[in-house]
Amino acid sequence: MQIQFNTDSTIEGHERLQTYFSEELEKTLSRFEDKITRVEVHLGDENKDKFGTDDKRCLIEVRLAGLNPMAVTHNADTIEKAFSGASDKIKRVLATTFEKMKSH
């Protein structure tokens, strides 16, 4: 499973985050890894230099073999919380999608 990270200019320590988030995604999505071709993670601060609540955004897009891509977004007050929320969401979306495919 290939994981690609994209960050805006306001995100600091992106190499450390990339390593940590890659490991977490591999654990979270391990049961789907044979169906996933690529994962793209987009991290950003929607307010840039201004202060705001829940202004950190994480978008996770999963490319699946033979299916359309799926994407989720989560906003929170920190990048770590935004990533965690988006990670939980994509796991639920994939589980639901593949369960529905089994029943057909």
N, C-alpha and C. Protein backbone atom coordinates (compact mmCIF):
# COMPACT_ATOMS: atom_id res chain seq x y z
N MET A 1 0.85 -1.16 0.00
CA MET A 1 0.00 0.00 0.00
C MET A 1 0.90 1.23 0.00
N GLN A 2 0.73 2.07 -0.98
CA GLN A 2 1.51 3.30 -1.09
C GLN A 2 0.77 4.42 -0.37
N ILE A 3 1.48 5.16 0.47
CA ILE A 3 0.89 6.28 1.20
C ILE A 3 1.61 7.55 0.82
N GLN A 4 0.84 8.54 0.36
CA GLN A 4 1.40 9.82 -0.06
C GLN A 4 0.85 10.93 0.83
N PHE A 5 1.73 11.82 1.29
CA PHE A 5 1.33 12.92 2.16
C PHE A 5 1.47 14.25 1.44
N ASN A 6 0.50 15.12 1.68
CA ASN A 6 0.53 16.49 1.17
C ASN A 6 0.19 17.41 2.34
N THR A 7 1.00 18.45 2.55
CA THR A 7 0.73 19.41 3.61
C THR A 7 0.80 20.81 3.06
N ASP A 8 0.07 21.70 3.71
CA ASP A 8 0.21 23.10 3.31
C ASP A 8 1.40 23.71 4.05
N SER A 9 1.69 24.94 3.77
CA SER A 9 2.90 25.58 4.30
C SER A 9 2.84 25.84 5.81
N THR A 10 1.69 25.70 6.42
CA THR A 10 1.56 25.99 7.85
C THR A 10 1.84 24.79 8.74
N ILE A 11 1.98 23.61 8.17
CA ILE A 11 2.19 22.40 8.96
C ILE A 11 3.68 22.20 9.18
N GLU A 12 4.09 22.18 10.45
CA GLU A 12 5.50 21.99 10.79
C GLU A 12 5.77 20.54 11.17
N GLY A 13 7.00 20.11 11.01
CA GLY A 13 7.40 18.76 11.40
C GLY A 13 6.76 17.69 10.55
N HIS A 14 6.57 17.99 9.28
CA HIS A 14 5.84 17.06 8.42
C HIS A 14 6.54 15.72 8.24
N GLU A 15 7.86 15.66 8.35
CA GLU A 15 8.55 14.37 8.22
C GLU A 15 8.23 13.46 9.40
N ARG A 16 8.26 14.02 10.61
CA ARG A 16 7.91 13.25 11.80
C ARG A 16 6.46 12.80 11.73
N LEU A 17 5.58 13.72 11.36
CA LEU A 17 4.16 13.39 11.23
C LEU A 17 3.94 12.32 10.18
N GLN A 18 4.63 12.44 9.06
CA GLN A 18 4.46 11.48 7.97
C GLN A 18 4.84 10.08 8.43
N THR A 19 5.93 9.94 9.14
CA THR A 19 6.36 8.63 9.61
C THR A 19 5.34 8.05 10.58
N TYR A 20 4.93 8.85 11.55
CA TYR A 20 3.97 8.39 12.55
C TYR A 20 2.62 8.05 11.91
N PHE A 21 2.10 8.96 11.08
CA PHE A 21 0.80 8.74 10.46
C PHE A 21 0.83 7.56 9.49
N SER A 22 1.93 7.35 8.79
CA SER A 22 2.04 6.19 7.89
C SER A 22 1.91 4.89 8.67
N GLU A 23 2.62 4.81 9.79
CA GLU A 23 2.55 3.61 10.62
C GLU A 23 1.14 3.39 11.14
N GLU A 24 0.49 4.45 11.57
CA GLU A 24 -0.87 4.34 12.09
C GLU A 24 -1.86 3.91 10.99
N LEU A 25 -1.71 4.48 9.80
CA LEU A 25 -2.60 4.11 8.69
C LEU A 25 -2.40 2.66 8.28
N GLU A 26 -1.15 2.21 8.25
CA GLU A 26 -0.89 0.82 7.90
C GLU A 26 -1.56 -0.13 8.89
N LYS A 27 -1.55 0.22 10.18
CA LYS A 27 -2.23 -0.61 11.19
C LYS A 27 -3.74 -0.55 11.00
N THR A 28 -4.26 0.66 10.85
CA THR A 28 -5.70 0.87 10.75
C THR A 28 -6.30 0.20 9.52
N LEU A 29 -5.59 0.27 8.40
CA LEU A 29 -6.14 -0.24 7.13
C LEU A 29 -5.58 -1.60 6.75
N SER A 30 -4.88 -2.27 7.65
CA SER A 30 -4.20 -3.53 7.31
C SER A 30 -5.15 -4.59 6.77
N ARG A 31 -6.36 -4.66 7.27
CA ARG A 31 -7.27 -5.70 6.80
C ARG A 31 -7.79 -5.44 5.38
N PHE A 32 -7.59 -4.22 4.89
CA PHE A 32 -8.03 -3.88 3.53
C PHE A 32 -6.86 -3.73 2.56
N GLU A 33 -5.62 -3.96 3.01
CA GLU A 33 -4.45 -3.62 2.21
C GLU A 33 -4.38 -4.32 0.86
N ASP A 34 -4.97 -5.50 0.72
CA ASP A 34 -4.95 -6.17 -0.58
C ASP A 34 -5.89 -5.53 -1.59
N LYS A 35 -6.80 -4.68 -1.12
CA LYS A 35 -7.75 -3.99 -2.00
C LYS A 35 -7.35 -2.54 -2.28
N ILE A 36 -6.41 -2.01 -1.50
CA ILE A 36 -6.02 -0.61 -1.61
C ILE A 36 -4.75 -0.48 -2.46
N THR A 37 -4.79 0.41 -3.44
CA THR A 37 -3.61 0.65 -4.25
C THR A 37 -2.81 1.84 -3.74
N ARG A 38 -3.53 2.87 -3.26
CA ARG A 38 -2.83 4.07 -2.79
C ARG A 38 -3.70 4.83 -1.79
N VAL A 39 -3.03 5.47 -0.85
CA VAL A 39 -3.70 6.33 0.12
C VAL A 39 -3.05 7.71 0.03
N GLU A 40 -3.86 8.74 -0.06
CA GLU A 40 -3.36 10.11 -0.05
C GLU A 40 -3.90 10.82 1.18
N VAL A 41 -3.00 11.47 1.91
CA VAL A 41 -3.36 12.21 3.11
C VAL A 41 -3.03 13.67 2.87
N HIS A 42 -4.02 14.53 3.07
CA HIS A 42 -3.84 15.97 2.90
C HIS A 42 -4.06 16.63 4.26
N LEU A 43 -3.03 17.30 4.76
CA LEU A 43 -3.10 17.98 6.06
C LEU A 43 -3.00 19.48 5.86
N GLY A 44 -3.82 20.23 6.57
CA GLY A 44 -3.75 21.67 6.42
C GLY A 44 -4.42 22.42 7.55
N ASP A 45 -4.14 23.71 7.57
CA ASP A 45 -4.73 24.63 8.52
C ASP A 45 -5.60 25.59 7.71
N GLU A 46 -6.89 25.51 7.90
CA GLU A 46 -7.80 26.29 7.07
C GLU A 46 -7.74 27.79 7.34
N ASN A 47 -7.29 28.20 8.53
CA ASN A 47 -7.21 29.62 8.86
C ASN A 47 -5.81 30.19 8.72
N LYS A 48 -4.86 29.36 8.34
CA LYS A 48 -3.45 29.75 8.19
C LYS A 48 -2.94 30.43 9.46
N ASP A 49 -2.63 31.72 9.42
CA ASP A 49 -2.02 32.42 10.54
C ASP A 49 -3.02 32.84 11.62
N LYS A 50 -4.29 32.82 11.32
CA LYS A 50 -5.31 33.25 12.28
C LYS A 50 -5.62 32.11 13.25
N PHE A 51 -6.06 32.47 14.44
CA PHE A 51 -6.46 31.47 15.41
C PHE A 51 -7.90 31.08 15.15
N GLY A 52 -8.18 29.81 15.28
CA GLY A 52 -9.55 29.34 15.12
C GLY A 52 -9.70 27.96 15.72
N THR A 53 -10.91 27.64 16.12
CA THR A 53 -11.15 26.31 16.65
C THR A 53 -11.50 25.36 15.52
N ASP A 54 -11.05 24.16 15.66
CA ASP A 54 -11.31 23.12 14.66
C ASP A 54 -10.91 23.55 13.26
N ASP A 55 -9.78 24.24 13.15
CA ASP A 55 -9.33 24.72 11.85
C ASP A 55 -8.27 23.83 11.21
N LYS A 56 -7.85 22.78 11.90
CA LYS A 56 -6.90 21.82 11.31
C LYS A 56 -7.72 20.76 10.57
N ARG A 57 -7.32 20.48 9.34
CA ARG A 57 -8.10 19.58 8.50
C ARG A 57 -7.24 18.43 8.01
N CYS A 58 -7.84 17.24 8.02
CA CYS A 58 -7.19 16.07 7.44
C CYS A 58 -8.17 15.44 6.46
N LEU A 59 -7.73 15.29 5.24
CA LEU A 59 -8.51 14.59 4.22
C LEU A 59 -7.74 13.33 3.86
N ILE A 60 -8.40 12.19 3.92
CA ILE A 60 -7.79 10.92 3.53
C ILE A 60 -8.56 10.38 2.34
N GLU A 61 -7.84 10.14 1.26
CA GLU A 61 -8.43 9.57 0.04
C GLU A 61 -7.79 8.20 -0.19
N VAL A 62 -8.64 7.21 -0.38
CA VAL A 62 -8.17 5.84 -0.60
C VAL A 62 -8.53 5.43 -2.02
N ARG A 63 -7.53 4.98 -2.75
CA ARG A 63 -7.74 4.46 -4.11
C ARG A 63 -7.84 2.95 -4.01
N LEU A 64 -8.92 2.41 -4.53
CA LEU A 64 -9.18 0.98 -4.45
C LEU A 64 -9.07 0.33 -5.82
N ALA A 65 -8.57 -0.87 -5.84
CA ALA A 65 -8.45 -1.62 -7.09
C ALA A 65 -9.84 -1.91 -7.65
N GLY A 66 -10.12 -1.41 -8.83
CA GLY A 66 -11.38 -1.70 -9.51
C GLY A 66 -12.58 -0.92 -9.01
N LEU A 67 -12.40 0.00 -8.09
CA LEU A 67 -13.51 0.80 -7.56
C LEU A 67 -13.16 2.28 -7.60
N ASN A 68 -14.16 3.11 -7.43
CA ASN A 68 -13.93 4.55 -7.36
C ASN A 68 -13.20 4.91 -6.06
N PRO A 69 -12.43 5.98 -6.07
CA PRO A 69 -11.76 6.41 -4.83
C PRO A 69 -12.78 6.83 -3.78
N MET A 70 -12.38 6.71 -2.52
CA MET A 70 -13.23 7.14 -1.41
C MET A 70 -12.44 8.14 -0.59
N ALA A 71 -13.14 9.17 -0.10
CA ALA A 71 -12.46 10.21 0.67
C ALA A 71 -13.30 10.62 1.86
N VAL A 72 -12.60 10.97 2.95
CA VAL A 72 -13.24 11.50 4.15
C VAL A 72 -12.44 12.70 4.63
N THR A 73 -13.10 13.58 5.36
CA THR A 73 -12.45 14.75 5.92
C THR A 73 -12.84 14.87 7.38
N HIS A 74 -11.89 15.33 8.19
CA HIS A 74 -12.20 15.58 9.60
C HIS A 74 -11.47 16.85 10.03
N ASN A 75 -12.18 17.70 10.75
CA ASN A 75 -11.59 18.93 11.29
C ASN A 75 -11.49 18.80 12.81
N ALA A 76 -10.41 19.36 13.37
CA ALA A 76 -10.21 19.35 14.81
C ALA A 76 -9.29 20.51 15.19
N ASP A 77 -9.00 20.61 16.48
CA ASP A 77 -8.14 21.70 16.93
C ASP A 77 -6.65 21.39 16.80
N THR A 78 -6.30 20.13 16.55
CA THR A 78 -4.90 19.76 16.29
C THR A 78 -4.83 18.85 15.08
N ILE A 79 -3.67 18.80 14.45
CA ILE A 79 -3.48 17.92 13.29
C ILE A 79 -3.64 16.46 13.70
N GLU A 80 -3.13 16.12 14.88
CA GLU A 80 -3.21 14.73 15.36
C GLU A 80 -4.65 14.29 15.54
N LYS A 81 -5.48 15.16 16.12
CA LYS A 81 -6.89 14.82 16.32
C LYS A 81 -7.63 14.76 14.97
N ALA A 82 -7.29 15.66 14.07
CA ALA A 82 -7.91 15.65 12.74
C ALA A 82 -7.57 14.35 12.01
N PHE A 83 -6.31 13.94 12.10
CA PHE A 83 -5.89 12.70 11.46
C PHE A 83 -6.60 11.50 12.08
N SER A 84 -6.65 11.46 13.40
CA SER A 84 -7.30 10.35 14.09
C SER A 84 -8.77 10.23 13.70
N GLY A 85 -9.46 11.36 13.64
CA GLY A 85 -10.87 11.36 13.25
C GLY A 85 -11.07 10.90 11.82
N ALA A 86 -10.23 11.38 10.90
CA ALA A 86 -10.33 10.98 9.50
C ALA A 86 -9.98 9.50 9.33
N SER A 87 -8.99 9.04 10.07
CA SER A 87 -8.58 7.63 10.02
C SER A 87 -9.72 6.72 10.47
N ASP A 88 -10.39 7.09 11.55
CA ASP A 88 -11.55 6.31 12.03
C ASP A 88 -12.67 6.30 10.99
N LYS A 89 -12.90 7.45 10.37
CA LYS A 89 -13.96 7.55 9.37
C LYS A 89 -13.69 6.67 8.16
N ILE A 90 -12.45 6.71 7.64
CA ILE A 90 -12.15 5.93 6.43
C ILE A 90 -12.22 4.44 6.72
N LYS A 91 -11.84 4.05 7.92
CA LYS A 91 -11.94 2.63 8.30
C LYS A 91 -13.40 2.19 8.29
N ARG A 92 -14.30 3.01 8.84
CA ARG A 92 -15.72 2.68 8.85
C ARG A 92 -16.30 2.65 7.44
N VAL A 93 -15.90 3.61 6.60
CA VAL A 93 -16.40 3.66 5.22
C VAL A 93 -15.97 2.41 4.46
N LEU A 94 -14.71 2.02 4.59
CA LEU A 94 -14.23 0.83 3.90
C LEU A 94 -14.90 -0.43 4.42
N ALA A 95 -15.05 -0.55 5.73
CA ALA A 95 -15.71 -1.73 6.30
C ALA A 95 -17.14 -1.85 5.79
N THR A 96 -17.87 -0.74 5.77
CA THR A 96 -19.24 -0.74 5.27
C THR A 96 -19.29 -1.11 3.80
N THR A 97 -18.41 -0.52 3.00
CA THR A 97 -18.38 -0.78 1.56
C THR A 97 -18.12 -2.25 1.27
N PHE A 98 -17.13 -2.82 1.92
CA PHE A 98 -16.79 -4.22 1.63
C PHE A 98 -17.80 -5.19 2.21
N GLU A 99 -18.46 -4.84 3.30
CA GLU A 99 -19.54 -5.68 3.83
C GLU A 99 -20.72 -5.71 2.86
N LYS A 100 -21.04 -4.54 2.29
CA LYS A 100 -22.12 -4.48 1.31
C LYS A 100 -21.77 -5.30 0.07
N MET A 101 -20.52 -5.27 -0.35
CA MET A 101 -20.10 -6.02 -1.53
C MET A 101 -20.20 -7.53 -1.29
N LYS A 102 -19.95 -7.96 -0.06
CA LYS A 102 -20.06 -9.39 0.27
C LYS A 102 -21.49 -9.87 0.20
N SER A 103 -22.43 -9.01 0.58
CA SER A 103 -23.83 -9.41 0.62
C SER A 103 -24.48 -9.47 -0.75
N HIS A 104 -23.82 -8.94 -1.76
CA HIS A 104 -24.41 -8.96 -3.12
C HIS A 104 -23.90 -10.12 -3.90
